[in-house]
Amino acid sequence: MFERGVRLLTGENDPYEALRRFFRFEDRVGIKINTIGGKNISTRPDVSLPLALWLGEKNVRPGNVIIWDRTNRELRDAGYRLSEDKSGPRIFGTDTDGAGYGGDLVVRGNVGSLFSTIQEDFVTASISLAILKDHGLAGVTAGMKNYFGAVHNPNKYHDSRCDPYIAEVFDTPSVKGKHRLSILDCLTVQCHKGPSFHPQWAEKYGALVLGADPVATDAVGWRIIEEIRARKGLPSLAEEQREPLYLATAEHMGLGTADPGRIEVIEENV
């Protein structure tokens, strides 16, 4: 699915040439996952590890791929085995010895944060690989909000439906300057009562969404959540007054396209 998705996204038949659109062989690639939901609703090892191994096989030095999140505890709780062995993908959290948060406050608009040194220093290119979920405040948590896990104070950024904070965290040099690819894990989608796991609202959707435009990718994720909610007889996010306002803000800031009429979606069954 990853290989076919990247080929469709770039129009390249050769997966090596497709990946060259995003990464150089010498890049240190961080795969930012989301493990706050435990085993039930987190980026699972059987999704992130095949991506990391495929990157190491096709394009990037294997030891230059890091699967990471906020804490080692959350990674272990989601089923990961920590590793700093450079013979393959490395897996560790920001609280690992030698990592931590940077010493300089990064300010952008309403945001002032210390960034994980993994995102700030260790990696030269970044993939956001996150579960697509409904969010009680932001409306949608997807690829852009995933980078809240790269700052030391995400609790400060949940007022006003997380708007403009999601866009402003993304607009910092450590994120925007390194982000190459958004991948939404829609194999299971939490369509209601998110971001925590509620089995009655966890839909087995069976898809991955890949995009080079982080705003457009999240906008497609929003559409998927609305489709599932409508099918289940739930009101729209707008009707619940929690549609993801951050998307329009991000488009206004020049981070990508939120208008569905200007987003091309290519769908294929694998």
Protein backbone atom coordinates (compact mmCIF):
# COMPACT_ATOMS: atom_id res chain seq x y z
CA MET A 1 0.00 0.00 0.00
CA PHE A 2 2.84 2.42 0.80
CA GLU A 3 4.64 1.68 -2.45
CA ARG A 4 1.53 1.96 -4.60
CA GLY A 5 0.45 5.11 -2.81
CA VAL A 6 3.77 6.89 -3.33
CA ARG A 7 3.84 5.86 -6.99
CA LEU A 8 0.32 7.20 -7.53
CA LEU A 9 1.16 10.38 -5.65
CA THR A 10 4.22 11.13 -7.80
CA GLY A 11 3.27 9.55 -11.10
CA GLU A 12 6.51 7.54 -11.07
CA ASN A 13 6.47 3.84 -11.92
CA ASP A 14 9.78 3.13 -10.18
CA PRO A 15 9.36 3.29 -6.37
CA TYR A 16 12.99 4.42 -6.01
CA GLU A 17 12.39 7.39 -8.30
CA ALA A 18 9.10 8.10 -6.50
CA LEU A 19 10.83 8.27 -3.13
CA ARG A 20 13.56 10.49 -4.55
CA ARG A 21 10.88 13.18 -4.89
CA PHE A 22 10.82 13.35 -1.08
CA PHE A 23 14.07 11.97 0.33
CA ARG A 24 17.78 11.81 -0.41
CA PHE A 25 19.87 8.76 0.40
CA GLU A 26 21.77 10.69 3.08
CA ASP A 27 18.61 12.07 4.77
CA ARG A 28 17.85 11.15 8.36
CA VAL A 29 14.12 10.45 8.17
CA GLY A 30 11.89 10.75 11.21
CA ILE A 31 8.56 8.92 11.15
CA LYS A 32 6.49 10.78 13.74
CA ILE A 33 3.82 8.41 14.98
CA ASN A 34 1.07 8.85 17.58
CA THR A 35 0.93 6.38 20.46
CA ILE A 36 -1.07 8.29 23.07
CA GLY A 37 -4.06 5.97 22.55
CA GLY A 38 -2.31 2.76 23.61
CA LYS A 39 -2.66 -0.43 21.58
CA ASN A 40 -6.30 0.22 20.71
CA ILE A 41 -6.00 3.45 18.72
CA SER A 42 -2.33 4.26 18.02
CA THR A 43 -0.02 3.99 15.03
CA ARG A 44 0.71 0.28 15.21
CA PRO A 45 4.11 -1.38 14.66
CA ASP A 46 2.66 -3.41 11.79
CA VAL A 47 2.00 -0.10 9.98
CA SER A 48 5.09 1.97 10.81
CA LEU A 49 7.74 -0.76 10.67
CA PRO A 50 6.94 -1.86 7.09
CA LEU A 51 7.19 1.80 6.04
CA ALA A 52 10.54 2.22 7.80
CA LEU A 53 11.93 -1.02 6.35
CA TRP A 54 10.70 -0.12 2.86
CA LEU A 55 12.40 3.28 3.06
CA GLY A 56 15.64 1.56 4.11
CA GLU A 57 15.34 -0.92 1.27
CA LYS A 58 14.52 1.56 -1.48
CA ASN A 59 15.96 4.94 -0.64
CA VAL A 60 17.44 5.80 2.77
CA ARG A 61 20.18 4.21 4.89
CA PRO A 62 18.34 1.81 7.26
CA GLY A 63 19.96 3.28 10.37
CA ASN A 64 18.88 6.76 9.26
CA VAL A 65 15.18 6.01 9.80
CA ILE A 66 13.75 6.84 13.25
CA ILE A 67 10.25 5.88 14.40
CA TRP A 68 9.48 8.14 17.32
CA ASP A 69 6.97 9.79 19.63
CA ARG A 70 6.84 11.65 22.94
CA THR A 71 7.76 8.98 25.47
CA ASN A 72 9.25 5.50 25.62
CA ARG A 73 6.39 4.43 27.89
CA GLU A 74 3.77 5.35 25.29
CA LEU A 75 5.75 3.58 22.58
CA ARG A 76 6.00 0.39 24.66
CA ASP A 77 2.32 0.59 25.63
CA ALA A 78 1.42 0.72 21.92
CA GLY A 79 3.43 -2.46 21.27
CA TYR A 80 6.81 -1.12 20.19
CA ARG A 81 10.17 -2.62 21.11
CA LEU A 82 12.62 0.23 21.63
CA SER A 83 15.84 0.12 19.62
CA GLU A 84 18.82 2.36 18.95
CA ASP A 85 20.55 -0.23 16.75
CA LYS A 86 21.65 1.52 13.55
CA SER A 87 21.53 -1.69 11.54
CA GLY A 88 17.80 -1.07 11.13
CA PRO A 89 15.11 1.47 11.96
CA ARG A 90 15.60 3.05 15.38
CA ILE A 91 12.64 3.40 17.75
CA PHE A 92 12.69 5.71 20.75
CA GLY A 93 10.94 8.61 22.44
CA THR A 94 11.90 12.18 23.21
CA ASP A 95 12.54 11.22 26.84
CA THR A 96 15.39 8.91 25.80
CA ASP A 97 18.79 9.78 27.29
CA GLY A 98 20.58 12.04 24.83
CA ALA A 99 17.35 13.36 23.29
CA GLY A 100 14.94 15.60 25.23
CA TYR A 101 13.73 19.06 24.28
CA GLY A 102 15.84 21.86 22.83
CA GLY A 103 16.95 24.75 24.99
CA ASP A 104 15.69 27.57 22.78
CA LEU A 105 12.06 28.65 22.75
CA VAL A 106 10.58 28.58 19.24
CA VAL A 107 8.00 31.33 18.73
CA ARG A 108 5.49 31.53 15.89
CA GLY A 109 2.39 33.68 16.29
CA ASN A 110 0.58 32.47 19.40
CA VAL A 111 2.93 29.50 19.85
CA GLY A 112 6.01 29.40 22.06
CA SER A 113 7.49 25.92 22.58
CA LEU A 114 10.57 23.82 23.07
CA PHE A 115 10.82 21.20 20.35
CA SER A 116 11.93 17.60 20.64
CA THR A 117 15.56 17.34 19.61
CA ILE A 118 14.53 14.37 17.48
CA GLN A 119 12.51 16.69 15.24
CA GLU A 120 14.78 19.69 15.72
CA ASP A 121 18.25 18.13 15.41
CA PHE A 122 18.25 14.39 14.75
CA VAL A 123 16.24 14.28 11.53
CA THR A 124 16.57 16.17 8.25
CA ALA A 125 13.26 14.99 6.78
CA SER A 126 9.96 14.10 8.42
CA ILE A 127 6.92 11.93 7.77
CA SER A 128 3.76 12.38 9.82
CA LEU A 129 2.15 8.96 10.24
CA ALA A 130 -0.91 9.25 12.47
CA ILE A 131 -4.21 7.52 13.11
CA LEU A 132 -7.16 9.51 11.74
CA LYS A 133 -9.42 10.39 14.66
CA ASP A 134 -12.32 12.56 15.64
CA HIS A 135 -11.25 15.11 18.25
CA GLY A 136 -13.58 16.63 20.81
CA LEU A 137 -11.93 20.06 20.52
CA ALA A 138 -10.16 20.31 17.15
CA GLY A 139 -12.80 18.29 15.29
CA VAL A 140 -10.13 16.23 13.53
CA THR A 141 -6.72 15.05 14.66
CA ALA A 142 -4.59 13.86 11.78
CA GLY A 143 -1.22 14.59 10.17
CA MET A 144 -0.76 18.22 11.19
CA LYS A 145 -1.86 17.93 14.81
CA ASN A 146 0.45 14.92 15.14
CA TYR A 147 3.28 17.43 15.55
CA PHE A 148 1.80 18.55 18.87
CA GLY A 149 3.74 15.49 20.05
CA ALA A 150 6.96 17.27 19.08
CA VAL A 151 6.56 20.16 21.56
CA HIS A 152 6.89 20.26 25.34
CA ASN A 153 3.60 22.07 26.03
CA PRO A 154 0.79 20.82 23.74
CA ASN A 155 -1.68 21.32 26.59
CA LYS A 156 -1.39 25.07 25.97
CA TYR A 157 -2.77 24.78 22.44
CA HIS A 158 -6.27 23.37 22.80
CA ASP A 159 -8.33 26.56 23.20
CA SER A 160 -10.53 27.81 20.32
CA ARG A 161 -10.66 24.35 18.68
CA CYS A 162 -6.85 24.28 18.57
CA ASP A 163 -6.98 27.13 16.08
CA PRO A 164 -4.60 28.71 15.08
CA TYR A 165 -2.20 26.57 17.12
CA ILE A 166 -2.13 23.48 14.88
CA ALA A 167 -1.22 25.60 11.87
CA GLU A 168 1.32 27.67 13.81
CA VAL A 169 3.15 24.67 15.27
CA PHE A 170 3.35 23.24 11.76
CA ASP A 171 4.63 26.57 10.41
CA THR A 172 7.81 26.47 12.52
CA PRO A 173 11.15 25.72 10.81
CA SER A 174 11.57 22.42 12.64
CA VAL A 175 8.31 21.11 11.18
CA LYS A 176 7.53 22.89 7.91
CA GLY A 177 11.18 22.94 6.92
CA LYS A 178 11.48 19.16 7.28
CA HIS A 179 8.02 17.74 6.61
CA ARG A 180 7.97 15.77 3.36
CA LEU A 181 4.97 13.45 3.48
CA SER A 182 1.68 13.03 5.34
CA ILE A 183 0.28 9.54 5.75
CA LEU A 184 -3.06 9.04 7.49
CA ASP A 185 -3.59 5.58 8.95
CA CYS A 186 -7.26 5.03 8.21
CA LEU A 187 -7.21 1.28 8.69
CA THR A 188 -9.32 1.99 11.78
CA VAL A 189 -10.86 5.46 12.16
CA GLN A 190 -12.19 6.84 15.44
CA CYS A 191 -15.18 8.73 14.06
CA HIS A 192 -16.78 9.96 17.30
CA LYS A 193 -15.90 10.61 20.96
CA GLY A 194 -12.23 10.92 20.02
CA PRO A 195 -9.37 11.16 20.45
CA SER A 196 -9.64 8.37 23.06
CA PHE A 197 -10.70 4.89 22.03
CA HIS A 198 -14.39 4.00 22.04
CA PRO A 199 -14.94 0.67 20.27
CA GLN A 200 -18.50 1.42 19.21
CA TRP A 201 -17.23 4.43 17.21
CA ALA A 202 -14.05 2.84 15.83
CA GLU A 203 -14.71 2.06 12.16
CA LYS A 204 -12.60 -0.46 10.25
CA TYR A 205 -12.11 1.67 7.15
CA GLY A 206 -9.12 -0.17 5.63
CA ALA A 207 -7.28 2.67 3.88
CA LEU A 208 -4.14 4.76 3.89
CA VAL A 209 -4.14 8.37 2.68
CA LEU A 210 -0.86 9.76 1.37
CA GLY A 211 -0.28 13.39 0.46
CA ALA A 212 2.52 15.85 -0.20
CA ASP A 213 0.20 18.72 0.82
CA PRO A 214 -0.32 18.45 4.61
CA VAL A 215 -3.44 20.62 4.61
CA ALA A 216 -5.11 18.79 1.73
CA THR A 217 -4.30 15.43 3.33
CA ASP A 218 -5.98 16.45 6.59
CA ALA A 219 -8.93 17.88 4.63
CA VAL A 220 -9.41 14.49 2.95
CA GLY A 221 -9.25 12.91 6.42
CA TRP A 222 -12.02 15.28 7.55
CA ARG A 223 -14.14 14.16 4.60
CA ILE A 224 -13.64 10.52 5.56
CA ILE A 225 -14.72 11.16 9.14
CA GLU A 226 -17.83 12.98 7.92
CA GLU A 227 -18.68 10.10 5.56
CA ILE A 228 -18.44 7.56 8.38
CA ARG A 229 -20.42 9.77 10.77
CA ALA A 230 -23.21 10.25 8.21
CA ARG A 231 -23.37 6.51 7.60
CA LYS A 232 -23.76 5.93 11.33
CA GLY A 233 -26.46 8.59 11.68
CA LEU A 234 -24.25 11.03 13.58
CA PRO A 235 -24.46 14.81 13.07
CA SER A 236 -21.72 16.53 11.10
CA LEU A 237 -18.85 18.19 12.95
CA ALA A 238 -20.21 21.56 11.83
CA GLU A 239 -23.58 20.71 13.38
CA GLU A 240 -21.74 19.94 16.61
CA GLN A 241 -19.88 23.27 16.22
CA ARG A 242 -16.46 21.66 16.08
CA GLU A 243 -15.46 21.50 12.43
CA PRO A 244 -11.65 21.73 12.05
CA LEU A 245 -11.14 25.48 11.73
CA TYR A 246 -7.37 25.04 11.67
CA LEU A 247 -7.54 23.89 8.05
CA ALA A 248 -8.79 27.24 6.74
CA THR A 249 -6.20 28.99 8.90
CA ALA A 250 -3.45 26.77 7.50
CA GLU A 251 -4.57 27.51 3.94
CA HIS A 252 -4.61 31.25 4.70
CA MET A 253 -1.04 30.92 6.00
CA GLY A 254 0.04 29.31 2.73
CA LEU A 255 0.66 25.85 4.16
CA GLY A 256 -1.52 24.03 1.65
CA THR A 257 -5.00 23.66 0.20
CA ALA A 258 -8.11 23.12 2.30
CA ASP A 259 -10.73 23.74 -0.41
CA PRO A 260 -12.04 20.29 -1.45
CA GLY A 261 -12.81 21.62 -4.92
CA ARG A 262 -9.09 22.11 -5.53
CA ILE A 263 -7.90 18.79 -4.12
CA GLU A 264 -7.37 15.87 -6.49
CA VAL A 265 -8.02 12.52 -4.84
CA ILE A 266 -6.79 9.35 -6.55
CA GLU A 267 -8.31 6.18 -5.10
CA GLU A 268 -7.19 2.64 -5.76
CA ASN A 269 -7.97 -0.71 -4.16
CA VAL A 270 -5.00 -2.93 -3.34
